[in-house]
Protein backbone atom coordinates (compact mmCIF):
# COMPACT_ATOMS: atom_id res chain seq x y z
CA MET A 1 -0.04 0.04 -0.20
CA ALA A 2 1.44 3.33 -1.05
CA ALA A 3 1.31 6.34 1.74
CA LEU A 4 -1.91 7.42 2.55
CA PRO A 5 -2.46 11.10 0.86
CA THR A 6 -4.70 11.84 4.08
CA PRO A 7 -4.05 10.84 7.03
CA LYS A 8 -7.46 8.05 7.08
CA PRO A 9 -5.67 5.10 6.93
CA THR A 10 -7.36 2.85 4.75
CA PRO A 11 -7.80 -1.22 5.76
CA ASN A 12 -4.00 -3.07 4.75
CA LYS A 13 -2.82 -6.20 5.89
CA PRO A 14 -0.18 -5.81 8.66
CA PRO A 15 3.43 -5.59 7.46
CA ASP A 16 5.03 -8.47 7.77
CA VAL A 17 8.44 -8.32 9.63
CA SER A 18 9.75 -11.15 7.85
CA ALA A 19 9.66 -9.77 4.18
CA ALA A 20 8.36 -5.98 4.71
CA SER A 21 11.05 -5.20 7.04
CA ALA A 22 13.50 -7.17 5.96
CA GLY A 23 13.45 -5.42 1.99
CA LEU A 24 12.54 -7.05 -0.78
CA ASN A 25 13.99 -4.59 -3.50
CA ARG A 26 16.70 -3.00 -1.38
CA PRO A 27 17.60 -2.49 1.67
CA ASN A 28 15.52 -0.39 4.65
CA PRO A 29 18.18 2.71 4.73
CA ALA A 30 17.16 3.49 8.49
CA LEU A 31 19.24 -0.28 8.76
CA ALA A 32 23.13 0.69 8.19
CA ALA A 33 22.03 3.92 10.61
CA LEU A 34 21.38 2.22 13.07
CA ASP A 35 25.16 1.33 13.21
CA ARG A 36 26.13 5.20 14.54
CA ILE A 37 24.08 3.25 17.87
CA PRO A 38 25.23 1.33 20.67
CA ALA A 39 23.07 -1.43 21.12
CA VAL A 40 21.75 -0.25 24.55
CA LEU A 41 18.97 -2.51 25.02
CA PRO A 42 15.93 -3.20 25.06
CA LEU A 43 15.04 0.85 23.55
CA GLY A 44 12.47 3.06 22.83
CA VAL A 45 11.65 4.18 19.14
CA ALA A 46 9.66 7.41 18.87
CA TYR A 47 6.61 6.04 16.71
CA SER A 48 4.52 8.80 14.81
CA GLY A 49 3.32 6.55 12.11
CA GLY A 50 4.71 9.37 9.89
CA ALA A 51 7.43 7.32 7.42
CA ASP A 52 10.26 8.36 8.88
CA SER A 53 9.60 6.38 12.65
CA THR A 54 8.14 4.02 10.53
CA ALA A 55 11.44 3.15 8.73
CA LEU A 56 13.43 3.69 11.82
CA LEU A 57 10.83 1.39 14.03
CA LEU A 58 10.90 -1.24 10.81
CA ALA A 59 15.17 -1.29 11.23
CA ALA A 60 15.00 -1.41 15.22
CA ALA A 61 12.35 -4.60 14.93
CA GLN A 62 14.81 -6.23 12.72
CA ARG A 63 18.16 -5.47 14.51
CA TRP A 64 16.81 -6.12 17.94
CA PRO A 65 13.84 -8.24 17.21
CA GLY A 66 11.69 -8.44 20.85
CA GLN A 67 14.41 -6.12 22.20
CA VAL A 68 12.04 -3.36 20.53
CA SER A 69 9.44 -0.97 22.47
CA ALA A 70 7.12 2.06 19.95
CA ILE A 71 6.34 4.50 22.01
CA HIS A 72 3.55 7.09 20.45
CA ILE A 73 2.39 10.45 21.62
CA HIS A 74 -1.21 11.50 21.41
CA HIS A 75 -1.15 15.05 21.33
CA GLY A 76 -4.61 15.84 20.94
CA LEU A 77 -3.80 19.04 18.52
CA GLN A 78 -5.83 17.41 16.32
CA THR A 79 -9.15 15.05 15.00
CA ALA A 80 -6.64 12.46 13.17
CA ALA A 81 -4.81 11.70 15.58
CA ASP A 82 -7.41 8.50 17.01
CA ASP A 83 -6.43 7.42 13.00
CA PHE A 84 -2.87 8.11 13.60
CA VAL A 85 -2.94 5.53 16.72
CA ARG A 86 -5.04 3.22 14.23
CA VAL A 87 -2.18 2.72 11.68
CA CYS A 88 0.57 2.36 14.59
CA GLU A 89 -1.73 -0.21 16.29
CA THR A 90 -1.69 -2.48 12.88
CA THR A 91 2.27 -1.87 11.94
CA CYS A 92 3.73 -3.12 15.49
CA ALA A 93 1.03 -5.40 15.29
CA GLY A 94 2.55 -6.57 11.98
CA LEU A 95 6.04 -6.74 13.90
CA HIS A 96 5.61 -8.27 17.00
CA VAL A 97 5.76 -4.76 18.88
CA PRO A 98 4.98 -3.33 22.21
CA LEU A 99 2.65 -0.17 21.47
CA HIS A 100 1.86 2.28 23.95
CA VAL A 101 0.43 5.35 23.28
CA VAL A 102 0.96 8.18 25.99
CA HIS A 103 -1.45 10.76 26.13
CA VAL A 104 -0.30 14.55 26.49
CA ASP A 105 -1.55 18.16 27.70
CA ALA A 106 0.81 19.95 24.25
CA SER A 107 -1.43 23.20 24.92
CA HIS A 108 0.59 27.08 24.90
CA ALA A 109 0.41 29.69 27.27
CA ALA A 110 -0.12 32.32 25.49
CA GLY A 111 3.14 34.26 23.59
CA GLU A 112 4.34 30.25 23.41
CA SER A 113 5.53 28.64 20.39
CA PRO A 114 2.79 26.16 19.74
CA GLU A 115 5.87 24.11 18.09
CA ASP A 116 7.87 24.25 21.24
CA ALA A 117 4.99 23.81 23.14
CA ALA A 118 4.50 20.80 21.67
CA ARG A 119 8.21 19.67 21.67
CA ARG A 120 8.34 19.52 25.25
CA ALA A 121 5.54 17.83 26.00
CA ARG A 122 6.57 15.42 23.64
CA TYR A 123 10.18 14.55 24.37
CA THR A 124 8.98 15.39 28.62
CA ALA A 125 6.09 12.43 27.84
CA LEU A 126 8.86 9.88 26.21
CA ALA A 127 10.78 10.35 28.60
CA GLY A 128 8.29 9.52 31.75
CA ALA A 129 7.60 6.59 29.39
CA ALA A 130 11.13 5.07 28.55
CA THR A 131 11.53 5.22 32.58
CA GLN A 132 7.99 3.41 33.63
CA LEU A 133 8.90 0.73 30.99
CA GLY A 134 13.32 -0.36 32.10
CA LEU A 135 13.98 1.05 28.67
CA ALA A 136 17.71 2.02 28.61
CA CYS A 137 17.16 4.15 25.52
CA VAL A 138 15.21 5.79 22.72
CA LEU A 139 15.64 6.66 18.79
CA LEU A 140 14.06 9.16 17.68
CA GLY A 141 13.48 9.85 13.92
CA GLN A 142 14.28 13.11 12.78
CA HIS A 143 16.60 12.89 9.15
CA ALA A 144 18.41 14.81 7.02
CA ASP A 145 16.22 17.34 5.75
CA ASP A 146 15.05 17.78 8.85
CA GLN A 147 18.61 18.94 10.20
CA VAL A 148 18.64 21.51 7.71
CA GLU A 149 15.42 23.03 8.69
CA THR A 150 16.62 23.44 12.51
CA LEU A 151 20.06 24.90 10.80
CA LEU A 152 17.81 27.08 8.19
CA LEU A 153 15.71 28.57 11.61
CA ALA A 154 18.62 28.90 13.30
CA LEU A 155 20.08 30.77 11.35
CA SER A 156 16.33 33.29 10.26
CA ARG A 157 16.47 33.51 13.81
CA GLY A 158 20.24 34.99 14.19
CA ALA A 159 21.07 32.32 16.66
CA GLY A 160 24.75 32.03 17.66
CA LEU A 161 26.83 28.58 17.99
CA PRO A 162 23.70 26.56 20.41
CA GLY A 163 21.74 27.04 17.37
CA LEU A 164 23.79 26.26 14.61
CA SER A 165 24.53 23.12 15.99
CA ALA A 166 20.70 22.02 15.04
CA MET A 167 20.07 18.37 16.31
CA ALA A 168 22.25 16.67 18.58
CA ALA A 169 22.83 13.43 17.42
CA GLN A 170 22.69 12.23 21.47
CA PHE A 171 21.56 13.98 24.40
CA GLU A 172 19.92 13.03 27.77
CA ARG A 173 16.44 14.06 28.94
CA ASP A 174 15.32 13.41 32.37
CA GLY A 175 17.59 10.55 32.59
CA VAL A 176 16.79 8.94 29.81
CA THR A 177 19.08 9.23 26.50
CA PHE A 178 18.02 9.72 23.62
CA TYR A 179 19.44 8.76 19.81
CA ARG A 180 18.80 10.16 15.88
CA PRO A 181 20.46 8.01 14.31
CA LEU A 182 18.81 9.28 11.03
CA LEU A 183 20.44 12.38 10.92
CA THR A 184 22.46 11.79 7.81
CA THR A 185 19.99 9.80 5.82
CA PRO A 186 17.68 12.02 3.42
CA ALA A 187 14.05 12.02 3.65
CA ALA A 188 13.33 11.00 0.40
CA SER A 189 15.13 7.27 0.60
CA LEU A 190 12.63 6.32 3.76
CA ARG A 191 9.77 7.46 2.10
CA THR A 192 11.42 5.65 -1.39
CA TRP A 193 11.45 2.80 0.27
CA LEU A 194 8.74 2.27 1.96
CA LEU A 195 6.38 2.99 -1.17
CA GLN A 196 8.28 0.35 -2.72
CA GLU A 197 7.95 -1.91 0.10
CA GLN A 198 4.15 -0.85 -0.25
CA ILE A 199 4.49 -0.52 3.50
CA PRO A 200 1.84 1.92 5.00
CA PHE A 201 2.22 5.17 6.87
CA VAL A 202 0.09 8.85 7.65
CA ASP A 203 1.65 12.03 6.28
CA ASP A 204 0.47 14.52 8.66
CA PRO A 205 -1.36 17.23 7.45
CA THR A 206 0.23 19.83 9.47
CA ASN A 207 3.40 19.15 7.69
CA THR A 208 1.75 21.27 4.68
CA ASP A 209 0.84 24.10 6.67
CA GLU A 210 2.73 27.19 5.53
CA ARG A 211 1.62 28.87 8.47
CA TYR A 212 4.91 27.36 10.12
CA THR A 213 7.80 28.44 9.29
CA ARG A 214 9.62 24.96 9.81
CA ASN A 215 6.84 23.54 6.81
CA ARG A 216 7.70 27.14 4.37
CA ILE A 217 11.37 25.82 3.83
CA ARG A 218 10.03 22.53 3.29
CA ALA A 219 8.20 23.39 0.00
CA ARG A 220 10.00 26.92 -1.04
CA LEU A 221 13.63 26.44 0.01
CA LEU A 222 14.16 22.35 0.00
CA PRO A 223 14.09 21.92 -3.64
CA ALA A 224 15.56 24.99 -4.60
CA LEU A 225 18.59 24.02 -2.58
CA GLN A 226 18.59 20.81 -4.65
CA ASP A 227 18.33 22.74 -7.64
CA ALA A 228 21.50 24.74 -6.77
CA PHE A 229 23.70 22.69 -4.39
CA PRO A 230 22.85 18.68 -4.66
CA GLN A 231 24.40 17.79 -1.68
CA PHE A 232 23.34 20.54 1.02
CA ARG A 233 22.27 17.94 2.75
CA GLU A 234 25.68 17.01 3.47
CA THR A 235 27.86 20.10 3.46
CA PHE A 236 25.18 21.59 5.84
CA ALA A 237 25.66 19.00 8.71
CA ARG A 238 29.54 19.44 8.94
CA SER A 239 28.83 22.89 9.17
CA ALA A 240 26.38 22.11 12.45
CA GLN A 241 29.15 19.89 13.95
CA HIS A 242 31.54 22.64 13.49
CA ALA A 243 29.52 24.48 15.48
CA ALA A 244 28.82 22.01 17.66
CA GLN A 245 32.42 20.97 18.27
CA ALA A 246 32.75 25.02 18.75
CA GLN A 247 30.18 24.99 21.53
CA ALA A 248 31.98 22.19 22.65
CA VAL A 249 35.10 24.05 23.42
CA LEU A 250 33.27 26.96 24.03
CA GLN A 251 31.70 25.06 27.46
CA GLU A 252 35.12 24.10 28.53
CA VAL A 253 35.91 27.51 28.51
CA ALA A 254 33.22 29.06 30.30
CA ARG A 255 33.56 26.06 32.72
CA GLU A 256 37.04 26.56 33.53
CA ASP A 257 36.47 30.64 33.85
CA LEU A 258 33.58 30.32 36.30
CA ALA A 259 35.65 27.92 38.43
CA ARG A 260 38.20 30.80 38.78
CA ILE A 261 35.44 33.50 39.71
CA GLY A 262 33.13 31.56 41.54
CA THR A 263 29.67 31.14 41.64
CA PRO A 264 27.77 33.12 41.43
CA PRO A 265 30.37 35.41 39.15
CA VAL A 266 32.55 38.10 41.48
CA ILE A 267 32.61 40.68 39.74
CA LYS A 268 35.92 42.37 39.22
CA ALA A 269 36.89 39.04 38.89
CA LEU A 270 34.86 38.80 36.19
CA GLN A 271 36.32 42.26 35.44
CA THR A 272 39.89 40.49 34.70
CA LEU A 273 38.39 38.57 31.13
CA SER A 274 38.26 39.88 28.02
CA ARG A 275 34.42 41.16 27.10
CA ALA A 276 34.17 37.91 24.60
CA ARG A 277 34.74 35.23 28.15
CA GLN A 278 32.68 37.04 30.32
CA ALA A 279 29.74 36.70 27.57
CA ASN A 280 30.84 33.19 27.46
CA VAL A 281 30.76 32.36 30.93
CA LEU A 282 27.87 34.46 32.43
CA ARG A 283 25.42 32.97 29.20
CA HIS A 284 27.36 29.78 30.46
CA TRP A 285 26.57 30.16 34.34
CA LEU A 286 22.82 31.49 34.01
CA LEU A 287 21.99 28.83 31.39
CA GLU A 288 23.42 25.86 33.95
CA ALA A 289 22.49 27.66 37.63
CA HIS A 290 19.35 29.35 36.31
CA GLN A 291 17.52 28.09 33.51
CA ALA A 292 17.73 31.08 31.97
CA THR A 293 19.17 32.41 27.71
CA PRO A 294 19.64 35.94 27.37
CA SER A 295 19.35 37.46 24.31
CA THR A 296 21.95 39.65 22.27
CA ALA A 297 20.77 43.47 23.62
CA GLN A 298 20.20 41.94 26.91
CA LEU A 299 23.64 40.43 27.24
CA ASP A 300 25.40 42.91 26.27
CA GLN A 301 23.62 45.66 28.52
CA LEU A 302 25.19 43.48 31.44
CA LEU A 303 28.37 43.37 29.62
CA ASP A 304 28.01 47.07 29.94
CA GLN A 305 27.44 47.69 33.52
CA VAL A 306 29.25 45.04 34.68
CA ALA A 307 32.15 47.86 33.29
CA ALA A 308 31.06 50.15 35.09
CA CYS A 309 30.74 48.82 38.13
CA THR A 310 34.21 50.37 39.47
CA THR A 311 32.37 51.44 42.37
CA ARG A 312 30.41 49.91 45.97
CA GLY A 313 27.46 51.81 45.59
CA HIS A 314 27.09 51.19 41.45
CA GLN A 315 24.02 49.05 41.12
CA ILE A 316 22.34 46.50 38.14
CA ARG A 317 19.54 44.77 37.92
CA LEU A 318 18.77 43.60 34.44
CA LYS A 319 15.57 41.32 33.39
CA VAL A 320 17.45 38.65 31.46
CA ALA A 321 14.56 35.83 30.62
CA LEU A 322 11.85 34.99 33.16
CA GLY A 323 14.17 36.67 35.74
CA HIS A 324 16.57 39.48 36.66
CA VAL A 325 20.27 39.94 37.45
CA THR A 326 21.52 41.57 39.78
CA ARG A 327 24.22 42.98 41.65
CA ALA A 328 24.88 41.27 45.30
CA GLY A 329 28.02 42.39 47.00
CA THR A 330 31.07 42.20 45.17
CA ALA A 331 29.03 39.26 43.14
CA LEU A 332 26.42 38.99 40.66
CA GLY A 333 23.38 37.01 41.37
CA PHE A 334 19.87 36.07 40.02
CA SER A 335 16.39 36.36 41.39
CA GLY A 336 13.51 34.85 38.93
CA PRO A 337 11.02 31.99 38.36
CA ALA A 338 12.70 28.85 41.03
CA ILE A 339 13.95 26.10 38.59
């Protein structure tokens, strides 16, 4: 059965792991990607029912039979969500893979990005389910096209190195390790394989809604990049890796500087650093100690105030994220929401 143009699946024979996941015409491209991660078992696969997570689930079930669980996050944000679950149930039954459906509240607060709210809810739910099920790790289906979209989004927002690093191949959330083995695998290769093998998957209709910036990038920019720079997925991935390496070095420097100037930072000791290193260590301190990320304008104002802090009576009180950086005697302090 070919990919369904709407999220309303039609009845179909459940996929047979012995035939479909093995690949009658050619191997599942997700199989080779699994070589990039350690085999820490048992493991979970974040399974939406879409093409990328379907290919990933089939590959994992073939590589580690009996050691894989599927976790489906039901956001409840669209009427087709129950149809997604039914497709996932059919696929997992054919693979003899247990499916765990987790319902989450992905509503967003005023002024908050709906995508960011849904993403946070999803990762929290995945980590909670993995812990409850005793899974060693969770595999995510983001692919090379997703990585390019993330990098372009970061560029459009004037992001620094953390943003330009795009998505990490491995990270931890709430004590659970997550892996993204498909970050160098093009989306088209996954979709083409599924179509050739007649393996069902669903297309989320919101993925074509160009009110969302990511979807506009996917629909308009990626085809233009393919025409102008056919190897853009590989070259963009290398750029993201270089940014990630540079950011790792900056974090090491920030930890060393913070150890020297104290926690919280002692103002006189902070003033002995160059302005660039002051910015680096302050950004690190605010994020690590207070989960606060200053904007470029906020950080520039803070650096100006630190430079001007040459008398005992000089006060500092600057808004950063949801709190304020203040002067507390000889050091900086932060007042804000409890962590």
